[in-house]
Amino acid sequence: ADAAWLDNVDLPLSLGGTIGLIAVGDQHRLRVWGRSGHRYDVQVSVDLKEWTPAGSVIVGPSGMADLPGSVNTSEGAAYYRAVAP
């Protein structure tokens, strides 16, 4: 039987991202903060039960990335989350 032993493995145990709504002129955008070089999928929900893909970003060296497009804040409440796949 073959076997292998790994020691001192330094893996990122958490890629948790933070998401926020930022004002850009008279519009709003979603910004994701997370680990540089990692992809985060952004999802949207109106009831916190059903989640729909809203796009994805790859965080740059600055530790943040903006989701392309703008968010219409006059359409009522919506919830957003960033998920590391």
N, C-alpha and C. Protein backbone atom coordinates (compact mmCIF):
# COMPACT_ATOMS: atom_id res chain seq x y z
N ALA A 1 0.84 -1.18 0.00
CA ALA A 1 0.00 0.00 0.00
C ALA A 1 0.88 1.24 0.00
N ASP A 2 0.49 2.22 -0.76
CA ASP A 2 1.22 3.49 -0.81
C ASP A 2 0.67 4.42 0.26
N ALA A 3 1.54 5.26 0.79
CA ALA A 3 1.12 6.21 1.81
C ALA A 3 1.94 7.49 1.65
N ALA A 4 1.39 8.56 2.11
CA ALA A 4 2.10 9.84 2.08
C ALA A 4 1.79 10.59 3.35
N TRP A 5 2.74 11.38 3.80
CA TRP A 5 2.56 12.18 5.00
C TRP A 5 2.92 13.62 4.67
N LEU A 6 2.01 14.53 4.96
CA LEU A 6 2.25 15.95 4.73
C LEU A 6 2.39 16.63 6.08
N ASP A 7 3.39 17.46 6.21
CA ASP A 7 3.62 18.18 7.45
C ASP A 7 3.80 19.66 7.13
N ASN A 8 3.37 20.50 8.02
CA ASN A 8 3.48 21.95 7.85
C ASN A 8 2.76 22.46 6.61
N VAL A 9 1.56 22.02 6.41
CA VAL A 9 0.75 22.49 5.30
C VAL A 9 0.02 23.75 5.75
N ASP A 10 0.24 24.84 5.06
CA ASP A 10 -0.38 26.12 5.41
C ASP A 10 -1.45 26.45 4.38
N LEU A 11 -2.67 26.01 4.64
CA LEU A 11 -3.78 26.26 3.73
C LEU A 11 -4.64 27.39 4.26
N PRO A 12 -5.21 28.19 3.39
CA PRO A 12 -6.17 29.19 3.88
C PRO A 12 -7.45 28.47 4.30
N LEU A 13 -7.67 28.37 5.59
CA LEU A 13 -8.83 27.64 6.09
C LEU A 13 -10.12 28.40 5.88
N SER A 14 -10.01 29.70 5.70
CA SER A 14 -11.21 30.50 5.48
C SER A 14 -10.95 31.51 4.36
N LEU A 15 -11.84 31.51 3.40
CA LEU A 15 -11.75 32.51 2.33
C LEU A 15 -12.91 33.49 2.45
N GLY A 16 -13.47 33.58 3.64
CA GLY A 16 -14.63 34.42 3.86
C GLY A 16 -14.45 35.83 3.32
N GLY A 17 -15.42 36.27 2.58
CA GLY A 17 -15.39 37.61 2.01
C GLY A 17 -16.41 38.50 2.69
N THR A 18 -16.21 39.78 2.54
CA THR A 18 -17.14 40.78 3.05
C THR A 18 -17.70 41.53 1.85
N ILE A 19 -18.97 41.87 1.92
CA ILE A 19 -19.60 42.56 0.80
C ILE A 19 -20.24 43.84 1.32
N GLY A 20 -20.21 44.89 0.51
CA GLY A 20 -20.81 46.14 0.91
C GLY A 20 -21.32 46.92 -0.29
N LEU A 21 -22.24 47.81 -0.02
CA LEU A 21 -22.81 48.69 -1.04
C LEU A 21 -22.09 50.02 -0.96
N ILE A 22 -21.50 50.46 -2.07
CA ILE A 22 -20.77 51.72 -2.07
C ILE A 22 -21.39 52.67 -3.09
N ALA A 23 -21.33 53.95 -2.79
CA ALA A 23 -21.86 54.97 -3.70
C ALA A 23 -20.76 55.38 -4.68
N VAL A 24 -21.12 55.40 -5.96
CA VAL A 24 -20.22 55.87 -7.02
C VAL A 24 -21.00 56.90 -7.81
N GLY A 25 -20.74 58.17 -7.52
CA GLY A 25 -21.54 59.23 -8.13
C GLY A 25 -22.98 59.12 -7.64
N ASP A 26 -23.93 59.04 -8.57
CA ASP A 26 -25.34 58.91 -8.19
C ASP A 26 -25.82 57.46 -8.29
N GLN A 27 -24.90 56.51 -8.40
CA GLN A 27 -25.24 55.09 -8.46
C GLN A 27 -24.63 54.34 -7.28
N HIS A 28 -25.02 53.08 -7.16
CA HIS A 28 -24.47 52.22 -6.12
C HIS A 28 -23.90 50.96 -6.74
N ARG A 29 -22.80 50.48 -6.17
CA ARG A 29 -22.16 49.25 -6.64
C ARG A 29 -21.92 48.33 -5.45
N LEU A 30 -21.75 47.04 -5.77
CA LEU A 30 -21.38 46.08 -4.75
C LEU A 30 -19.87 45.89 -4.77
N ARG A 31 -19.26 45.98 -3.60
CA ARG A 31 -17.82 45.77 -3.48
C ARG A 31 -17.58 44.56 -2.58
N VAL A 32 -16.63 43.72 -3.01
CA VAL A 32 -16.27 42.54 -2.24
C VAL A 32 -14.83 42.71 -1.75
N TRP A 33 -14.63 42.46 -0.45
CA TRP A 33 -13.30 42.44 0.13
C TRP A 33 -12.99 40.99 0.49
N GLY A 34 -11.79 40.54 0.15
CA GLY A 34 -11.43 39.16 0.44
C GLY A 34 -9.96 38.91 0.15
N ARG A 35 -9.61 37.64 0.02
CA ARG A 35 -8.22 37.24 -0.24
C ARG A 35 -7.84 37.53 -1.69
N SER A 36 -6.73 38.17 -1.86
CA SER A 36 -6.23 38.52 -3.19
C SER A 36 -6.07 37.27 -4.05
N GLY A 37 -6.55 37.37 -5.29
CA GLY A 37 -6.43 36.28 -6.25
C GLY A 37 -7.53 35.24 -6.19
N HIS A 38 -8.44 35.35 -5.25
CA HIS A 38 -9.51 34.36 -5.12
C HIS A 38 -10.81 34.87 -5.72
N ARG A 39 -11.60 33.93 -6.23
CA ARG A 39 -12.90 34.26 -6.82
C ARG A 39 -13.99 34.17 -5.75
N TYR A 40 -14.91 35.11 -5.81
CA TYR A 40 -16.08 35.12 -4.94
C TYR A 40 -17.32 35.23 -5.82
N ASP A 41 -18.28 34.38 -5.57
CA ASP A 41 -19.56 34.46 -6.26
C ASP A 41 -20.49 35.33 -5.43
N VAL A 42 -21.15 36.28 -6.06
CA VAL A 42 -22.10 37.16 -5.38
C VAL A 42 -23.50 36.64 -5.67
N GLN A 43 -24.29 36.51 -4.61
CA GLN A 43 -25.66 36.01 -4.74
C GLN A 43 -26.61 37.03 -4.14
N VAL A 44 -27.85 37.04 -4.65
CA VAL A 44 -28.87 37.98 -4.18
C VAL A 44 -30.13 37.21 -3.78
N SER A 45 -30.82 37.74 -2.77
CA SER A 45 -32.06 37.12 -2.29
C SER A 45 -33.02 38.21 -1.82
N VAL A 46 -34.30 37.93 -1.91
CA VAL A 46 -35.30 38.85 -1.36
C VAL A 46 -35.90 38.30 -0.07
N ASP A 47 -35.62 37.01 0.24
CA ASP A 47 -36.21 36.40 1.43
C ASP A 47 -35.21 35.63 2.30
N LEU A 48 -33.94 35.66 1.97
CA LEU A 48 -32.87 34.94 2.67
C LEU A 48 -33.01 33.43 2.60
N LYS A 49 -33.91 32.93 1.75
CA LYS A 49 -34.08 31.48 1.57
C LYS A 49 -33.61 31.05 0.19
N GLU A 50 -34.10 31.74 -0.83
CA GLU A 50 -33.73 31.44 -2.22
C GLU A 50 -32.65 32.43 -2.66
N TRP A 51 -31.52 31.89 -3.12
CA TRP A 51 -30.41 32.74 -3.56
C TRP A 51 -30.19 32.58 -5.06
N THR A 52 -29.98 33.69 -5.74
CA THR A 52 -29.79 33.73 -7.19
C THR A 52 -28.41 34.31 -7.49
N PRO A 53 -27.67 33.72 -8.44
CA PRO A 53 -26.37 34.30 -8.80
C PRO A 53 -26.52 35.72 -9.34
N ALA A 54 -25.64 36.61 -8.88
CA ALA A 54 -25.63 37.99 -9.36
C ALA A 54 -24.34 38.32 -10.10
N GLY A 55 -23.39 37.40 -10.09
CA GLY A 55 -22.12 37.61 -10.76
C GLY A 55 -20.98 37.08 -9.92
N SER A 56 -19.77 37.28 -10.39
CA SER A 56 -18.60 36.85 -9.62
C SER A 56 -17.47 37.84 -9.87
N VAL A 57 -16.55 37.87 -8.92
CA VAL A 57 -15.39 38.76 -9.01
C VAL A 57 -14.14 37.99 -8.60
N ILE A 58 -13.01 38.44 -9.08
CA ILE A 58 -11.72 37.94 -8.60
C ILE A 58 -11.05 39.11 -7.89
N VAL A 59 -10.75 38.92 -6.63
CA VAL A 59 -10.20 39.98 -5.81
C VAL A 59 -8.76 40.27 -6.24
N GLY A 60 -8.47 41.54 -6.43
CA GLY A 60 -7.15 41.97 -6.88
C GLY A 60 -6.17 42.13 -5.73
N PRO A 61 -4.97 42.61 -6.04
CA PRO A 61 -3.92 42.79 -5.03
C PRO A 61 -4.33 43.73 -3.90
N SER A 62 -5.27 44.63 -4.17
CA SER A 62 -5.72 45.57 -3.15
C SER A 62 -6.63 44.92 -2.12
N GLY A 63 -7.06 43.67 -2.38
CA GLY A 63 -7.95 42.98 -1.45
C GLY A 63 -9.41 43.28 -1.68
N MET A 64 -9.74 43.92 -2.81
CA MET A 64 -11.15 44.22 -3.08
C MET A 64 -11.42 44.17 -4.58
N ALA A 65 -12.71 44.03 -4.91
CA ALA A 65 -13.15 44.03 -6.31
C ALA A 65 -14.60 44.48 -6.35
N ASP A 66 -14.95 45.24 -7.38
CA ASP A 66 -16.33 45.70 -7.56
C ASP A 66 -17.05 44.81 -8.57
N LEU A 67 -18.28 44.46 -8.25
CA LEU A 67 -19.11 43.71 -9.18
C LEU A 67 -19.51 44.65 -10.31
N PRO A 68 -19.34 44.24 -11.57
CA PRO A 68 -19.71 45.12 -12.69
C PRO A 68 -21.19 45.50 -12.64
N GLY A 69 -21.51 46.69 -13.10
CA GLY A 69 -22.89 47.16 -13.11
C GLY A 69 -23.24 47.91 -11.85
N SER A 70 -24.47 48.35 -11.78
CA SER A 70 -24.92 49.10 -10.61
C SER A 70 -26.13 48.42 -9.99
N VAL A 71 -26.41 48.79 -8.75
CA VAL A 71 -27.53 48.25 -8.00
C VAL A 71 -28.62 49.31 -7.94
N ASN A 72 -29.84 48.94 -8.32
CA ASN A 72 -30.97 49.86 -8.25
C ASN A 72 -31.53 49.81 -6.83
N THR A 73 -31.27 50.86 -6.06
CA THR A 73 -31.70 50.88 -4.66
C THR A 73 -33.16 51.30 -4.49
N SER A 74 -33.85 51.63 -5.57
CA SER A 74 -35.25 52.05 -5.46
C SER A 74 -36.23 50.90 -5.68
N GLU A 75 -35.72 49.69 -5.92
CA GLU A 75 -36.60 48.55 -6.20
C GLU A 75 -37.03 47.78 -4.95
N GLY A 76 -36.71 48.25 -3.77
CA GLY A 76 -37.06 47.53 -2.55
C GLY A 76 -35.86 46.80 -1.98
N ALA A 77 -36.12 46.07 -0.90
CA ALA A 77 -35.04 45.40 -0.18
C ALA A 77 -34.51 44.19 -0.94
N ALA A 78 -33.21 44.00 -0.83
CA ALA A 78 -32.55 42.81 -1.38
C ALA A 78 -31.35 42.52 -0.48
N TYR A 79 -31.01 41.26 -0.36
CA TYR A 79 -29.89 40.82 0.45
C TYR A 79 -28.82 40.25 -0.47
N TYR A 80 -27.57 40.55 -0.17
CA TYR A 80 -26.46 40.08 -0.97
C TYR A 80 -25.47 39.34 -0.08
N ARG A 81 -24.79 38.35 -0.68
CA ARG A 81 -23.73 37.66 0.04
C ARG A 81 -22.63 37.29 -0.94
N ALA A 82 -21.41 37.19 -0.41
CA ALA A 82 -20.26 36.75 -1.19
C ALA A 82 -19.88 35.35 -0.72
N VAL A 83 -19.78 34.43 -1.67
CA VAL A 83 -19.49 33.03 -1.36
C VAL A 83 -18.21 32.62 -2.07
N ALA A 84 -17.29 32.02 -1.32
CA ALA A 84 -16.07 31.47 -1.93
C ALA A 84 -16.36 30.04 -2.35
N PRO A 85 -16.34 29.77 -3.67
CA PRO A 85 -16.68 28.41 -4.13
C PRO A 85 -15.62 27.39 -3.77
